[in-house]
C-alpha atoms as a PDB file:
ATOM      1  CA  MET A   1     206.850 306.643  98.272  1.00  0.00           C
ATOM      2  CA  TYR A   2     207.852 304.638  95.069  1.00  0.00           C
ATOM      3  CA  ASP A   3     208.213 306.496  91.690  1.00  0.00           C
ATOM      4  CA  TYR A   4     205.732 305.301  89.488  1.00  0.00           C
ATOM      5  CA  ALA A   5     207.272 307.067  86.587  1.00  0.00           C
ATOM      6  CA  HIS A   6     210.298 304.548  86.920  1.00  0.00           C
ATOM      7  CA  LEU A   7     207.805 301.762  86.778  1.00  0.00           C
ATOM      8  CA  THR A   8     206.454 303.210  83.593  1.00  0.00           C
ATOM      9  CA  LYS A   9     209.755 303.352  82.012  1.00  0.00           C
ATOM     10  CA  SER A  10     210.270 299.617  82.771  1.00  0.00           C
ATOM     11  CA  TYR A  11     207.669 298.529  80.330  1.00  0.00           C
ATOM     12  CA  ARG A  12     208.431 298.509  76.566  1.00  0.00           C
ATOM     13  CA  THR A  13     205.886 297.716  73.974  1.00  0.00           C
ATOM     14  CA  ASP A  14     206.048 298.372  70.206  1.00  0.00           C
ATOM     15  CA  ASN A  15     202.422 300.013  70.434  1.00  0.00           C
ATOM     16  CA  SER A  16     200.707 296.981  68.493  1.00  0.00           C
ATOM     17  CA  PRO A  17     197.821 295.360  70.285  1.00  0.00           C
ATOM     18  CA  SER A  18     199.300 292.022  70.256  1.00  0.00           C
ATOM     19  CA  ALA A  19     202.661 293.165  71.471  1.00  0.00           C
ATOM     20  CA  ARG A  20     201.699 295.797  74.071  1.00  0.00           C
ATOM     21  CA  ASN A  21     202.580 295.250  77.710  1.00  0.00           C
ATOM     22  CA  THR A  22     204.599 292.108  76.976  1.00  0.00           C
ATOM     23  CA  GLY A  23     208.182 293.054  77.780  1.00  0.00           C
ATOM     24  CA  TRP A  24     210.025 293.692  81.085  1.00  0.00           C
ATOM     25  CA  TRP A  25     213.019 295.938  80.527  1.00  0.00           C
ATOM     26  CA  SER A  26     215.450 297.724  82.804  1.00  0.00           C
ATOM     27  CA  GLY A  27     215.509 300.811  80.414  1.00  0.00           C
ATOM     28  CA  ASP A  28     213.531 302.897  78.130  1.00  0.00           C
ATOM     29  CA  GLU A  29     213.869 303.401  74.255  1.00  0.00           C
ATOM     30  CA  ALA A  30     212.494 306.714  72.527  1.00  0.00           C
ATOM     31  CA  GLY A  31     209.039 306.206  71.539  1.00  0.00           C
ATOM     32  CA  LEU A  32     208.207 302.757  72.722  1.00  0.00           C
ATOM     33  CA  THR A  33     207.130 303.326  76.304  1.00  0.00           C
ATOM     34  CA  GLY A  34     203.318 303.099  77.127  1.00  0.00           C
ATOM     35  CA  ASN A  35     201.722 305.387  79.406  1.00  0.00           C
ATOM     36  CA  TYR A  36     199.998 303.414  82.324  1.00  0.00           C
ATOM     37  CA  THR A  37     198.206 304.247  85.429  1.00  0.00           C
ATOM     38  CA  PRO A  38     199.572 303.277  88.981  1.00  0.00           C
ATOM     39  CA  ASP A  39     196.824 300.627  89.391  1.00  0.00           C
ATOM     40  CA  PHE A  40     197.426 299.019  86.201  1.00  0.00           C
ATOM     41  CA  LEU A  41     201.100 298.936  86.938  1.00  0.00           C
ATOM     42  CA  LYS A  42     200.575 297.258  90.356  1.00  0.00           C
ATOM     43  CA  GLY A  43     198.351 294.886  89.006  1.00  0.00           C
ATOM     44  CA  TYR A  44     200.632 293.930  86.045  1.00  0.00           C
ATOM     45  CA  LEU A  45     203.742 293.822  88.213  1.00  0.00           C
ATOM     46  CA  LEU A  46     201.508 291.475  90.791  1.00  0.00           C
ATOM     47  CA  HIS A  47     200.443 289.098  88.005  1.00  0.00           C
ATOM     48  CA  TYR A  48     204.025 288.933  86.736  1.00  0.00           C
ATOM     49  CA  CYS A  49     205.426 288.100  90.025  1.00  0.00           C
ATOM     50  CA  ARG A  50     202.475 285.188  90.661  1.00  0.00           C
ATOM     51  CA  LEU A  51     204.096 283.666  87.314  1.00  0.00           C
ATOM     52  CA  CYS A  52     207.416 283.397  88.949  1.00  0.00           C
ATOM     53  CA  ASP A  53     205.996 281.810  92.207  1.00  0.00           C
ATOM     54  CA  ARG A  54     207.546 278.480  91.599  1.00  0.00           C
ATOM     55  CA  THR A  55     210.762 279.889  89.823  1.00  0.00           C
ATOM     56  CA  ASN A  56     213.558 281.749  91.271  1.00  0.00           C
ATOM     57  CA  ARG A  57     213.461 284.537  88.609  1.00  0.00           C
ATOM     58  CA  GLN A  58     216.169 287.079  88.434  1.00  0.00           C
ATOM     59  CA  GLY A  59     214.701 290.630  88.933  1.00  0.00           C
ATOM     60  CA  THR A  60     211.649 289.341  90.716  1.00  0.00           C
ATOM     61  CA  VAL A  61     212.647 290.436  94.309  1.00  0.00           C
ATOM     62  CA  PRO A  62     213.372 294.098  93.640  1.00  0.00           C
ATOM     63  CA  VAL A  63     209.862 294.263  91.915  1.00  0.00           C
ATOM     64  CA  LEU A  64     208.271 292.602  94.980  1.00  0.00           C
ATOM     65  CA  GLN A  65     210.160 294.936  97.202  1.00  0.00           C
ATOM     66  CA  ALA A  66     208.804 298.042  95.261  1.00  0.00           C
ATOM     67  CA  LEU A  67     205.375 296.723  95.558  1.00  0.00           C
ATOM     68  CA  LEU A  68     205.668 296.684  99.113  1.00  0.00           C
ATOM     69  CA  GLU A  69     206.612 300.273  99.283  1.00  0.00           C
ATOM     70  CA  ILE A  70     203.152 300.796  97.685  1.00  0.00           C
ATOM     71  CA  GLU A  71     201.199 298.357  99.760  1.00  0.00           C
ATOM     72  CA  PRO A  72     203.079 297.436 102.802  1.00  0.00           C
ATOM     73  CA  GLU A  73     199.938 295.542 104.108  1.00  0.00           C
ATOM     74  CA  ASN A  74     199.435 293.301 101.209  1.00  0.00           C
ATOM     75  CA  GLY A  75     200.192 289.717 102.621  1.00  0.00           C
ATOM     76  CA  GLU A  76     200.211 288.177  98.975  1.00  0.00           C
ATOM     77  CA  VAL A  77     203.218 290.204  98.092  1.00  0.00           C
ATOM     78  CA  HIS A  78     204.732 289.291 101.479  1.00  0.00           C
ATOM     79  CA  TYR A  79     204.402 285.565 100.617  1.00  0.00           C
ATOM     80  CA  LEU A  80     205.553 286.113  96.918  1.00  0.00           C
ATOM     81  CA  LEU A  81     208.760 287.622  98.334  1.00  0.00           C
ATOM     82  CA  ALA A  82     209.311 284.892 100.943  1.00  0.00           C
ATOM     83  CA  ARG A  83     208.837 282.443  98.038  1.00  0.00           C
ATOM     84  CA  GLN A  84     211.468 283.992  96.038  1.00  0.00           C
ATOM     85  CA  TYR A  85     213.798 284.052  98.947  1.00  0.00           C
ATOM     86  CA  ASP A  86     212.986 280.568  99.728  1.00  0.00           C
ATOM     87  CA  LEU A  87     213.510 279.366  96.110  1.00  0.00           C
ATOM     88  CA  GLY A  88     216.989 280.891  96.080  1.00  0.00           C
ATOM     89  CA  GLY A  89     217.846 279.252  99.501  1.00  0.00           C
ATOM     90  CA  LEU A  90     217.787 282.426 101.408  1.00  0.00           C
ATOM     91  CA  ARG A  91     215.476 280.981 104.111  1.00  0.00           C
ATOM     92  CA  GLU A  92     216.516 283.127 106.916  1.00  0.00           C
ATOM     93  CA  LEU A  93     215.172 286.052 104.578  1.00  0.00           C
ATOM     94  CA  ALA A  94     211.961 284.203 103.756  1.00  0.00           C
ATOM     95  CA  MET A  95     210.998 283.546 107.377  1.00  0.00           C
ATOM     96  CA  PRO A  96     209.944 286.986 108.688  1.00  0.00           C
ATOM     97  CA  SER A  97     207.995 287.656 105.242  1.00  0.00           C
ATOM     98  CA  TYR A  98     206.083 284.344 105.656  1.00  0.00           C
ATOM     99  CA  GLU A  99     205.213 285.232 109.061  1.00  0.00           C
ATOM    100  CA  ARG A 100     204.204 288.504 107.949  1.00  0.00           C
ATOM    101  CA  ALA A 101     202.052 287.169 105.040  1.00  0.00           C
ATOM    102  CA  ALA A 102     200.443 284.735 107.528  1.00  0.00           C
ATOM    103  CA  ALA A 103     199.785 287.633 110.039  1.00  0.00           C
ATOM    104  CA  LEU A 104     197.989 289.656 107.228  1.00  0.00           C
ATOM    105  CA  CYS A 105     196.231 286.771 105.535  1.00  0.00           C
ATOM    106  CA  PRO A 106     195.041 284.414 108.162  1.00  0.00           C
ATOM    107  CA  GLU A 107     192.252 283.159 105.803  1.00  0.00           C
ATOM    108  CA  LYS A 108     194.921 281.550 103.907  1.00  0.00           C
ATOM    109  CA  PRO A 109     196.564 278.874 105.927  1.00  0.00           C
ATOM    110  CA  GLU A 110     199.006 277.887 103.233  1.00  0.00           C
ATOM    111  CA  TYR A 111     200.938 281.020 103.895  1.00  0.00           C
ATOM    112  CA  ALA A 112     201.477 279.820 107.789  1.00  0.00           C
ATOM    113  CA  LEU A 113     202.300 276.317 106.640  1.00  0.00           C
ATOM    114  CA  ALA A 114     204.898 277.739 104.540  1.00  0.00           C
ATOM    115  CA  ALA A 115     206.426 279.524 107.456  1.00  0.00           C
ATOM    116  CA  VAL A 116     206.108 275.857 109.401  1.00  0.00           C
ATOM    117  CA  ARG A 117     208.349 274.441 106.878  1.00  0.00           C
ATOM    118  CA  THR A 118     210.862 277.066 106.788  1.00  0.00           C
ATOM    119  CA  ALA A 119     211.158 277.179 110.404  1.00  0.00           C
ATOM    120  CA  GLY A 120     211.620 273.478 110.370  1.00  0.00           C
ATOM    121  CA  TYR A 121     214.500 273.904 107.788  1.00  0.00           C
ATOM    122  CA  LEU A 122     216.210 276.321 110.012  1.00  0.00           C
ATOM    123  CA  GLY A 123     215.764 274.293 112.957  1.00  0.00           C
ATOM    124  CA  ASP A 124     213.571 276.300 115.019  1.00  0.00           C
ATOM    125  CA  ARG A 125     211.225 273.563 116.423  1.00  0.00           C
ATOM    126  CA  ILE A 126     209.193 275.740 118.801  1.00  0.00           C
ATOM    127  CA  LYS A 127     208.352 278.464 116.171  1.00  0.00           C
ATOM    128  CA  ALA A 128     207.275 275.550 114.007  1.00  0.00           C
ATOM    129  CA  MET A 129     204.993 273.896 116.478  1.00  0.00           C
ATOM    130  CA  SER A 130     203.423 277.114 117.639  1.00  0.00           C
ATOM    131  CA  LEU A 131     202.465 278.039 114.059  1.00  0.00           C
ATOM    132  CA  VAL A 132     201.110 274.719 112.843  1.00  0.00           C
ATOM    133  CA  ASN A 133     199.147 274.318 116.118  1.00  0.00           C
ATOM    134  CA  SER A 134     197.692 277.473 115.487  1.00  0.00           C
ATOM    135  CA  VAL A 135     196.583 276.437 111.930  1.00  0.00           C
ATOM    136  CA  ILE A 136     195.300 273.021 113.277  1.00  0.00           C
ATOM    137  CA  SER A 137     193.195 275.052 115.763  1.00  0.00           C
ATOM    138  CA  ALA A 138     191.713 277.293 113.078  1.00  0.00           C
ATOM    139  CA  TYR A 139     191.455 274.637 110.263  1.00  0.00           C
ATOM    140  CA  PRO A 140     190.919 271.178 112.039  1.00  0.00           C
ATOM    141  CA  VAL A 141     190.035 269.419 108.830  1.00  0.00           C
ATOM    142  CA  MET A 142     192.957 270.607 106.939  1.00  0.00           C
ATOM    143  CA  ALA A 143     194.898 267.425 106.538  1.00  0.00           C
ATOM    144  CA  GLU A 144     198.172 269.165 105.060  1.00  0.00           C
ATOM    145  CA  ALA A 145     198.274 270.867 108.616  1.00  0.00           C
ATOM    146  CA  TRP A 146     198.371 267.561 110.448  1.00  0.00           C
ATOM    147  CA  TYR A 147     200.929 266.203 108.366  1.00  0.00           C
ATOM    148  CA  GLU A 148     203.211 269.170 108.775  1.00  0.00           C
ATOM    149  CA  ARG A 149     203.058 268.597 112.422  1.00  0.00           C
ATOM    150  CA  ALA A 150     203.705 264.791 111.890  1.00  0.00           C
ATOM    151  CA  ILE A 151     206.872 265.804 110.254  1.00  0.00           C
ATOM    152  CA  ILE A 152     207.830 267.881 113.271  1.00  0.00           C
ATOM    153  CA  TYR A 153     207.003 264.796 115.619  1.00  0.00           C
ATOM    154  CA  GLU A 154     209.056 262.321 113.153  1.00  0.00           C
ATOM    155  CA  THR A 155     212.084 264.715 113.543  1.00  0.00           C
ATOM    156  CA  ASP A 156     211.897 264.500 117.164  1.00  0.00           C
ATOM    157  CA  GLU A 157     211.454 260.748 116.818  1.00  0.00           C
ATOM    158  CA  ASN A 158     208.343 260.906 118.756  1.00  0.00           C
ATOM    159  CA  TRP A 159     206.872 258.022 116.666  1.00  0.00           C
ATOM    160  CA  ASN A 160     203.635 257.574 118.206  1.00  0.00           C
ATOM    161  CA  ARG A 161     202.444 261.250 118.030  1.00  0.00           C
ATOM    162  CA  ALA A 162     203.854 261.046 114.282  1.00  0.00           C
ATOM    163  CA  LEU A 163     201.515 258.345 113.773  1.00  0.00           C
ATOM    164  CA  SER A 164     198.629 259.695 115.377  1.00  0.00           C
ATOM    165  CA  ASP A 165     198.742 262.792 113.301  1.00  0.00           C
ATOM    166  CA  LEU A 166     199.404 260.663 110.062  1.00  0.00           C
ATOM    167  CA  HIS A 167     196.110 258.680 111.015  1.00  0.00           C
ATOM    168  CA  ARG A 168     194.368 261.896 111.258  1.00  0.00           C
ATOM    169  CA  CYS A 169     195.476 262.759 107.811  1.00  0.00           C
ATOM    170  CA  ARG A 170     194.333 259.333 106.477  1.00  0.00           C
ATOM    171  CA  ASP A 171     190.808 259.786 108.309  1.00  0.00           C
ATOM    172  CA  LEU A 172     190.498 263.278 106.573  1.00  0.00           C
ATOM    173  CA  GLU A 173     191.805 262.087 103.141  1.00  0.00           C
ATOM    174  CA  PRO A 174     191.398 258.266 102.997  1.00  0.00           C
ATOM    175  CA  HIS A 175     192.423 257.753  99.356  1.00  0.00           C
ATOM    176  CA  ASN A 176     195.591 259.911  99.699  1.00  0.00           C
ATOM    177  CA  THR A 177     198.264 257.462  98.830  1.00  0.00           C
ATOM    178  CA  ASP A 178     200.923 259.644 100.259  1.00  0.00           C
ATOM    179  CA  TYR A 179     199.403 259.480 103.836  1.00  0.00           C
ATOM    180  CA  LEU A 180     199.147 255.661 103.409  1.00  0.00           C
ATOM    181  CA  CYS A 181     202.789 255.320 102.444  1.00  0.00           C
ATOM    182  CA  ASP A 182     204.226 257.631 105.164  1.00  0.00           C
ATOM    183  CA  ILE A 183     202.228 255.324 107.886  1.00  0.00           C
ATOM    184  CA  ALA A 184     203.618 252.362 106.154  1.00  0.00           C
ATOM    185  CA  ARG A 185     207.206 254.029 106.528  1.00  0.00           C
ATOM    186  CA  ILE A 186     206.948 254.763 110.122  1.00  0.00           C
ATOM    187  CA  TYR A 187     205.531 251.335 110.855  1.00  0.00           C
ATOM    188  CA  ARG A 188     208.627 249.996 109.038  1.00  0.00           C
ATOM    189  CA  LEU A 189     211.136 252.111 110.767  1.00  0.00           C
ATOM    190  CA  GLN A 190     209.501 250.927 114.075  1.00  0.00           C
ATOM    191  CA  LYS A 191     209.810 247.230 112.717  1.00  0.00           C
ATOM    192  CA  SER A 192     205.872 246.818 112.704  1.00  0.00           C
ATOM    193  CA  TYR A 193     206.414 245.101 109.597  1.00  0.00           C
ATOM    194  CA  ARG A 194     202.937 243.449 109.364  1.00  0.00           C
ATOM    195  CA  LEU A 195     201.257 246.860 109.525  1.00  0.00           C
ATOM    196  CA  ALA A 196     203.794 248.488 107.320  1.00  0.00           C
ATOM    197  CA  ARG A 197     202.860 245.908 104.809  1.00  0.00           C
ATOM    198  CA  GLN A 198     199.115 246.174 105.152  1.00  0.00           C
ATOM    199  CA  PHE A 199     199.301 250.198 104.725  1.00  0.00           C
ATOM    200  CA  ALA A 200     201.563 249.800 101.757  1.00  0.00           C
ATOM    201  CA  GLU A 201     199.172 247.336 100.091  1.00  0.00           C
ATOM    202  CA  ARG A 202     196.178 249.671 100.954  1.00  0.00           C
ATOM    203  CA  ALA A 203     197.930 252.331  99.036  1.00  0.00           C
ATOM    204  CA  LEU A 204     198.278 249.906  96.157  1.00  0.00           C
ATOM    205  CA  ARG A 205     194.725 249.267  96.007  1.00  0.00           C
ATOM    206  CA  GLU A 206     194.102 252.834  95.811  1.00  0.00           C
ATOM    207  CA  ASP A 207     196.896 253.134  93.048  1.00  0.00           C
ATOM    208  CA  PRO A 208     198.260 249.899  91.621  1.00  0.00           C
ATOM    209  CA  ARG A 209     201.198 252.176  90.006  1.00  0.00           C
ATOM    210  CA  CYS A 210     202.095 253.943  93.343  1.00  0.00           C
ATOM    211  CA  GLN A 211     205.920 253.742  93.315  1.00  0.00           C
ATOM    212  CA  ARG A 212     206.305 254.889  96.820  1.00  0.00           C
ATOM    213  CA  ALA A 213     204.096 251.698  97.833  1.00  0.00           C
ATOM    214  CA  HIS A 214     206.053 249.384  95.923  1.00  0.00           C
ATOM    215  CA  ALA A 215     209.257 250.720  97.527  1.00  0.00           C
ATOM    216  CA  GLU A 216     208.117 250.190 101.032  1.00  0.00           C
ATOM    217  CA  LEU A 217     207.166 246.701 100.346  1.00  0.00           C
ATOM    218  CA  ARG A 218     210.653 246.116  98.751  1.00  0.00           C
ATOM    219  CA  GLU A 219     212.073 247.516 102.068  1.00  0.00           C
ATOM    220  CA  ILE A 220     210.304 245.079 104.197  1.00  0.00           C
ATOM    221  CA  PRO A 221     212.316 242.108 105.191  1.00  0.00           C
ATOM    222  CA  MET A 222     211.269 238.717 103.855  1.00  0.00           C
ATOM    223  CA  ARG A 223     210.365 237.586 107.486  1.00  0.00           C
ATOM    224  CA  GLY A 224     208.033 240.631 107.868  1.00  0.00           C
ATOM    225  CA  HIS A 225     206.274 239.485 104.507  1.00  0.00           C
ATOM    226  CA  ILE A 226     205.791 236.020 105.962  1.00  0.00           C
ATOM    227  CA  MET A 227     204.571 237.175 109.359  1.00  0.00           C
ATOM    228  CA  GLY A 228     202.190 239.636 107.398  1.00  0.00           C
ATOM    229  CA  MET A 229     200.797 236.652 105.286  1.00  0.00           C
ATOM    230  CA  MET A 230     200.082 234.601 108.638  1.00  0.00           C
ATOM    231  CA  PHE A 231     198.564 237.430 110.740  1.00  0.00           C
ATOM    232  CA  ARG A 232     197.009 239.487 108.285  1.00  0.00           C
ATOM    233  CA  SER A 233     194.158 241.739 109.714  1.00  0.00           C
ATOM    234  CA  GLU A 234     192.704 244.485 107.966  1.00  0.00           C
ATOM    235  CA  ASP A 235     190.723 245.550 111.265  1.00  0.00           C
ATOM    236  CA  ASP A 236     194.252 246.203 113.011  1.00  0.00           C
ATOM    237  CA  ALA A 237     195.215 248.370 110.235  1.00  0.00           C
ATOM    238  CA  LEU A 238     192.308 250.276 110.235  1.00  0.00           C
ATOM    239  CA  ASP A 239     192.021 250.931 114.092  1.00  0.00           C
ATOM    240  CA  PRO A 240     195.214 252.504 115.536  1.00  0.00           C
ATOM    241  CA  SER A 241     193.949 251.536 118.917  1.00  0.00           C
ATOM    242  CA  ARG A 242     194.215 247.920 118.110  1.00  0.00           C
ATOM    243  CA  ALA A 243     197.711 248.511 116.149  1.00  0.00           C
ATOM    244  CA  GLY A 244     199.805 248.099 119.307  1.00  0.00           C
ATOM    245  CA  TYR A 245     200.769 251.807 119.798  1.00  0.00           C
ATOM    246  CA  ASN A 246     199.619 254.459 122.367  1.00  0.00           C
ATOM    247  CA  VAL A 247     200.144 258.226 122.146  1.00  0.00           C
ATOM    248  CA  ARG A 248     202.701 259.646 124.536  1.00  0.00           C
ATOM    249  CA  GLU A 249     201.699 262.691 126.294  1.00  0.00           C
ATOM    250  CA  ASP A 250     205.131 264.010 126.505  1.00  0.00           C
END
């Protein structure tokens, strides 16, 4: 069991109302340490670690490990620990913590999707696909889950399935320019320049300043622009079944 007295000694204050509970220190100074209940310390430390969610801050990992000694079934702490490992480039250590967080908190699909991304970085395609399929089954209207699976299919160069999932993202969030640009990019990679142009232009109708859409249009060869102007058809772009691709079953 973790020694709460050690945690108490880690907090330094000057006993003034404005400065109390503001400092994280590794040692103690006579007369400057506050007396806190274990519940207060746990809450304070967890709040501190939440603030570090996007920053790899030195000293955060030991704090989270100490919290897990107190509450080993706390999914959020497992997730925050995984985030610290991830931000530090230690994805092999992050993976089991992400998986544990996802198992403890099935109501938070973002934990499982973080595990999906990490598995993808580690090259574990089977685990990534298994995790993302479980999220899609539980949250079929979560566009981000379909997007993560599209990335896996794109990595496999299974362009048809990647496009199918991206179109699903677009159906769920029709005004999201990132999804429109990703669809345009894959069509461009497949040399379907007319469709690539149409989706890039649609992204610009949503946001005329969308830099990704402008970049996609610049990547389309001039011949593609000419063909797009000659055979422009919004119906083809909006209906994947008329866009010239069928989803493979492999």
